Amino acid sequence: MSKQLTVVATARAKPGMEEELGKRLLALVEPSRAEEGCISYDMHQSNDDPALWLAYENWRSEEDLARHFEMPYLKAFGESKDEVLAQPLDVRKFSLKS
């Protein structure tokens, strides 16, 4: 079984779409937290730049994260993300080393 995985993803809204992007991202929180293997799933908005959002997620394993990416609500976000994003999502994975 693989080790715990942390995902840090940043999203930048198109001008005027900050609130809509936030609404769509916040809609992912509760269903993601309910997934098997989700340790934590938190959404943050920058204090200095309201267009910048950050997801901070912890998953039990790479396999759990792979299942997360297949969830219908996440796929639906992915299909419509270009409506609200100014640039591609920046998704980075980190492995727990302690």
N, C-alpha and C. Protein backbone atom coordinates (compact mmCIF):
# COMPACT_ATOMS: atom_id res chain seq x y z
N MET A 1 0.85 -1.19 0.00
CA MET A 1 0.00 0.00 0.00
C MET A 1 0.89 1.24 0.00
N SER A 2 0.55 2.20 -0.81
CA SER A 2 1.37 3.40 -0.88
C SER A 2 1.11 4.30 0.32
N LYS A 3 2.01 5.21 0.54
CA LYS A 3 1.93 6.11 1.69
C LYS A 3 1.00 7.28 1.43
N GLN A 4 0.70 7.97 2.52
CA GLN A 4 -0.14 9.16 2.46
C GLN A 4 0.38 10.14 1.43
N LEU A 5 -0.56 10.78 0.75
CA LEU A 5 -0.24 11.72 -0.31
C LEU A 5 -0.92 13.05 -0.02
N THR A 6 -0.19 14.14 -0.20
CA THR A 6 -0.76 15.47 -0.07
C THR A 6 -0.81 16.09 -1.45
N VAL A 7 -1.93 16.74 -1.75
CA VAL A 7 -2.10 17.43 -3.02
C VAL A 7 -2.32 18.91 -2.71
N VAL A 8 -1.57 19.76 -3.40
CA VAL A 8 -1.75 21.20 -3.31
C VAL A 8 -2.06 21.68 -4.72
N ALA A 9 -3.25 22.24 -4.90
CA ALA A 9 -3.67 22.69 -6.22
C ALA A 9 -4.06 24.16 -6.14
N THR A 10 -3.58 24.94 -7.10
CA THR A 10 -3.96 26.35 -7.14
C THR A 10 -4.74 26.60 -8.42
N ALA A 11 -5.70 27.51 -8.28
CA ALA A 11 -6.57 27.88 -9.39
C ALA A 11 -6.70 29.40 -9.41
N ARG A 12 -6.57 29.98 -10.59
CA ARG A 12 -6.73 31.43 -10.74
C ARG A 12 -7.96 31.70 -11.60
N ALA A 13 -8.86 32.52 -11.05
CA ALA A 13 -10.11 32.85 -11.75
C ALA A 13 -9.86 33.89 -12.84
N LYS A 14 -10.67 33.79 -13.88
CA LYS A 14 -10.70 34.86 -14.88
C LYS A 14 -11.23 36.12 -14.20
N PRO A 15 -10.85 37.30 -14.68
CA PRO A 15 -11.39 38.53 -14.09
C PRO A 15 -12.92 38.51 -14.07
N GLY A 16 -13.48 38.83 -12.92
CA GLY A 16 -14.92 38.84 -12.75
C GLY A 16 -15.53 37.49 -12.42
N MET A 17 -14.70 36.42 -12.42
CA MET A 17 -15.21 35.07 -12.16
C MET A 17 -14.75 34.53 -10.80
N GLU A 18 -14.21 35.40 -9.96
CA GLU A 18 -13.68 34.95 -8.67
C GLU A 18 -14.74 34.25 -7.82
N GLU A 19 -15.91 34.86 -7.74
CA GLU A 19 -16.98 34.29 -6.91
C GLU A 19 -17.50 32.99 -7.51
N GLU A 20 -17.64 32.94 -8.82
CA GLU A 20 -18.14 31.72 -9.48
C GLU A 20 -17.15 30.57 -9.33
N LEU A 21 -15.86 30.85 -9.49
CA LEU A 21 -14.86 29.81 -9.29
C LEU A 21 -14.93 29.31 -7.86
N GLY A 22 -15.00 30.23 -6.91
CA GLY A 22 -15.10 29.82 -5.51
C GLY A 22 -16.30 28.95 -5.24
N LYS A 23 -17.42 29.31 -5.80
CA LYS A 23 -18.66 28.53 -5.63
C LYS A 23 -18.46 27.11 -6.15
N ARG A 24 -17.85 26.98 -7.33
CA ARG A 24 -17.63 25.66 -7.92
C ARG A 24 -16.62 24.84 -7.12
N LEU A 25 -15.57 25.49 -6.66
CA LEU A 25 -14.56 24.78 -5.87
C LEU A 25 -15.12 24.35 -4.52
N LEU A 26 -15.85 25.24 -3.87
CA LEU A 26 -16.42 24.90 -2.56
C LEU A 26 -17.43 23.77 -2.66
N ALA A 27 -18.07 23.62 -3.81
CA ALA A 27 -19.02 22.52 -4.01
C ALA A 27 -18.32 21.16 -4.04
N LEU A 28 -17.01 21.14 -4.23
CA LEU A 28 -16.24 19.89 -4.26
C LEU A 28 -15.85 19.41 -2.87
N VAL A 29 -15.90 20.30 -1.89
CA VAL A 29 -15.35 19.98 -0.56
C VAL A 29 -16.09 18.84 0.12
N GLU A 30 -17.38 18.98 0.35
CA GLU A 30 -18.10 17.96 1.12
C GLU A 30 -18.09 16.58 0.46
N PRO A 31 -18.39 16.47 -0.85
CA PRO A 31 -18.34 15.13 -1.44
C PRO A 31 -16.93 14.53 -1.41
N SER A 32 -15.91 15.37 -1.55
CA SER A 32 -14.54 14.86 -1.49
C SER A 32 -14.20 14.36 -0.10
N ARG A 33 -14.61 15.11 0.92
CA ARG A 33 -14.36 14.68 2.30
C ARG A 33 -15.04 13.37 2.63
N ALA A 34 -16.14 13.07 1.95
CA ALA A 34 -16.90 11.84 2.21
C ALA A 34 -16.29 10.62 1.52
N GLU A 35 -15.34 10.83 0.62
CA GLU A 35 -14.74 9.71 -0.11
C GLU A 35 -13.88 8.86 0.81
N GLU A 36 -13.89 7.56 0.53
CA GLU A 36 -13.00 6.66 1.23
C GLU A 36 -11.56 7.05 0.89
N GLY A 37 -10.73 7.13 1.89
CA GLY A 37 -9.33 7.47 1.67
C GLY A 37 -9.02 8.94 1.80
N CYS A 38 -10.04 9.80 1.91
CA CYS A 38 -9.78 11.22 2.10
C CYS A 38 -9.52 11.49 3.58
N ILE A 39 -8.36 12.02 3.88
CA ILE A 39 -8.00 12.38 5.25
C ILE A 39 -8.46 13.80 5.54
N SER A 40 -8.20 14.70 4.60
CA SER A 40 -8.66 16.09 4.72
C SER A 40 -8.74 16.71 3.34
N TYR A 41 -9.63 17.69 3.22
CA TYR A 41 -9.83 18.36 1.93
C TYR A 41 -10.30 19.77 2.26
N ASP A 42 -9.43 20.74 2.10
CA ASP A 42 -9.73 22.11 2.50
C ASP A 42 -9.50 23.07 1.34
N MET A 43 -10.38 24.06 1.24
CA MET A 43 -10.30 25.05 0.17
C MET A 43 -10.00 26.40 0.80
N HIS A 44 -9.06 27.12 0.20
CA HIS A 44 -8.64 28.42 0.72
C HIS A 44 -8.69 29.46 -0.40
N GLN A 45 -8.97 30.70 -0.02
CA GLN A 45 -8.89 31.83 -0.96
C GLN A 45 -7.83 32.78 -0.44
N SER A 46 -7.00 33.29 -1.33
CA SER A 46 -5.93 34.20 -0.94
C SER A 46 -6.48 35.45 -0.27
N ASN A 47 -5.83 35.87 0.78
CA ASN A 47 -6.19 37.13 1.46
C ASN A 47 -5.81 38.34 0.63
N ASP A 48 -4.79 38.19 -0.22
CA ASP A 48 -4.27 39.32 -0.98
C ASP A 48 -4.76 39.38 -2.42
N ASP A 49 -5.25 38.24 -2.93
CA ASP A 49 -5.65 38.14 -4.33
C ASP A 49 -6.90 37.28 -4.43
N PRO A 50 -8.09 37.87 -4.47
CA PRO A 50 -9.32 37.08 -4.45
C PRO A 50 -9.50 36.15 -5.66
N ALA A 51 -8.69 36.31 -6.68
CA ALA A 51 -8.78 35.43 -7.84
C ALA A 51 -8.05 34.10 -7.62
N LEU A 52 -7.24 34.03 -6.56
CA LEU A 52 -6.39 32.86 -6.33
C LEU A 52 -6.98 31.96 -5.25
N TRP A 53 -7.20 30.70 -5.62
CA TRP A 53 -7.74 29.69 -4.73
C TRP A 53 -6.74 28.56 -4.58
N LEU A 54 -6.75 27.91 -3.42
CA LEU A 54 -5.84 26.81 -3.15
C LEU A 54 -6.59 25.66 -2.50
N ALA A 55 -6.43 24.48 -3.05
CA ALA A 55 -6.96 23.26 -2.42
C ALA A 55 -5.80 22.56 -1.74
N TYR A 56 -6.02 22.19 -0.48
CA TYR A 56 -5.03 21.43 0.29
C TYR A 56 -5.69 20.13 0.70
N GLU A 57 -5.17 19.03 0.17
CA GLU A 57 -5.81 17.73 0.34
C GLU A 57 -4.81 16.71 0.86
N ASN A 58 -5.29 15.81 1.70
CA ASN A 58 -4.50 14.67 2.15
C ASN A 58 -5.27 13.40 1.88
N TRP A 59 -4.60 12.46 1.23
CA TRP A 59 -5.20 11.20 0.84
C TRP A 59 -4.41 10.05 1.42
N ARG A 60 -5.11 8.98 1.74
CA ARG A 60 -4.48 7.81 2.36
C ARG A 60 -3.45 7.18 1.41
N SER A 61 -3.74 7.22 0.09
CA SER A 61 -2.84 6.56 -0.86
C SER A 61 -3.03 7.14 -2.26
N GLU A 62 -2.11 6.81 -3.11
CA GLU A 62 -2.19 7.20 -4.53
C GLU A 62 -3.44 6.58 -5.17
N GLU A 63 -3.78 5.37 -4.75
CA GLU A 63 -4.96 4.69 -5.29
C GLU A 63 -6.24 5.45 -4.93
N ASP A 64 -6.31 5.94 -3.69
CA ASP A 64 -7.48 6.72 -3.27
C ASP A 64 -7.58 8.01 -4.08
N LEU A 65 -6.46 8.65 -4.32
CA LEU A 65 -6.46 9.88 -5.12
C LEU A 65 -6.89 9.58 -6.55
N ALA A 66 -6.43 8.47 -7.10
CA ALA A 66 -6.82 8.10 -8.47
C ALA A 66 -8.33 7.90 -8.55
N ARG A 67 -8.94 7.28 -7.53
CA ARG A 67 -10.40 7.11 -7.51
C ARG A 67 -11.09 8.47 -7.42
N HIS A 68 -10.51 9.39 -6.64
CA HIS A 68 -11.07 10.73 -6.50
C HIS A 68 -11.17 11.42 -7.86
N PHE A 69 -10.13 11.30 -8.68
CA PHE A 69 -10.12 11.95 -9.99
C PHE A 69 -11.17 11.37 -10.93
N GLU A 70 -11.71 10.20 -10.61
CA GLU A 70 -12.74 9.56 -11.44
C GLU A 70 -14.16 9.88 -10.98
N MET A 71 -14.31 10.61 -9.89
CA MET A 71 -15.64 10.92 -9.36
C MET A 71 -16.40 11.83 -10.33
N PRO A 72 -17.69 11.58 -10.52
CA PRO A 72 -18.48 12.37 -11.47
C PRO A 72 -18.44 13.88 -11.20
N TYR A 73 -18.50 14.29 -9.95
CA TYR A 73 -18.50 15.73 -9.65
C TYR A 73 -17.16 16.38 -9.99
N LEU A 74 -16.06 15.63 -9.83
CA LEU A 74 -14.76 16.19 -10.19
C LEU A 74 -14.59 16.24 -11.70
N LYS A 75 -15.09 15.21 -12.38
CA LYS A 75 -15.04 15.22 -13.85
C LYS A 75 -15.89 16.36 -14.40
N ALA A 76 -17.05 16.61 -13.79
CA ALA A 76 -17.92 17.71 -14.24
C ALA A 76 -17.21 19.05 -14.07
N PHE A 77 -16.49 19.23 -12.94
CA PHE A 77 -15.72 20.45 -12.75
C PHE A 77 -14.67 20.57 -13.86
N GLY A 78 -13.98 19.49 -14.12
CA GLY A 78 -12.94 19.50 -15.15
C GLY A 78 -13.45 19.86 -16.54
N GLU A 79 -14.66 19.41 -16.84
CA GLU A 79 -15.24 19.68 -18.15
C GLU A 79 -15.64 21.15 -18.32
N SER A 80 -15.93 21.84 -17.22
CA SER A 80 -16.38 23.24 -17.32
C SER A 80 -15.37 24.25 -16.79
N LYS A 81 -14.21 23.77 -16.37
CA LYS A 81 -13.24 24.66 -15.69
C LYS A 81 -12.76 25.81 -16.56
N ASP A 82 -12.70 25.62 -17.87
CA ASP A 82 -12.20 26.68 -18.75
C ASP A 82 -13.11 27.91 -18.75
N GLU A 83 -14.36 27.74 -18.33
CA GLU A 83 -15.28 28.88 -18.23
C GLU A 83 -14.83 29.88 -17.17
N VAL A 84 -14.15 29.40 -16.14
CA VAL A 84 -13.83 30.25 -14.98
C VAL A 84 -12.34 30.41 -14.71
N LEU A 85 -11.50 29.55 -15.26
CA LEU A 85 -10.07 29.60 -14.98
C LEU A 85 -9.32 30.49 -15.96
N ALA A 86 -8.43 31.32 -15.43
CA ALA A 86 -7.59 32.18 -16.26
C ALA A 86 -6.40 31.43 -16.82
N GLN A 87 -6.03 30.33 -16.18
CA GLN A 87 -4.87 29.54 -16.60
C GLN A 87 -5.10 28.11 -16.11
N PRO A 88 -4.32 27.16 -16.60
CA PRO A 88 -4.51 25.78 -16.16
C PRO A 88 -4.31 25.62 -14.66
N LEU A 89 -5.01 24.66 -14.07
CA LEU A 89 -4.79 24.33 -12.66
C LEU A 89 -3.34 23.92 -12.45
N ASP A 90 -2.78 24.29 -11.33
CA ASP A 90 -1.44 23.86 -10.95
C ASP A 90 -1.62 22.84 -9.83
N VAL A 91 -1.45 21.56 -10.16
CA VAL A 91 -1.66 20.48 -9.20
C VAL A 91 -0.32 19.82 -8.91
N ARG A 92 0.03 19.79 -7.62
CA ARG A 92 1.30 19.19 -7.21
C ARG A 92 1.05 18.16 -6.13
N LYS A 93 1.75 17.03 -6.24
CA LYS A 93 1.63 15.95 -5.28
C LYS A 93 2.87 15.89 -4.41
N PHE A 94 2.67 15.60 -3.14
CA PHE A 94 3.75 15.48 -2.18
C PHE A 94 3.55 14.19 -1.39
N SER A 95 4.64 13.44 -1.17
CA SER A 95 4.58 12.21 -0.40
C SER A 95 5.05 12.45 1.02
N LEU A 96 4.33 11.85 1.97
CA LEU A 96 4.70 11.95 3.37
C LEU A 96 5.97 11.18 3.61
N LYS A 97 6.95 11.79 4.24
CA LYS A 97 8.26 11.15 4.43
C LYS A 97 8.57 10.86 5.90
N SER A 98 7.67 11.20 6.80
CA SER A 98 7.99 10.93 8.21
C SER A 98 7.41 9.62 8.67
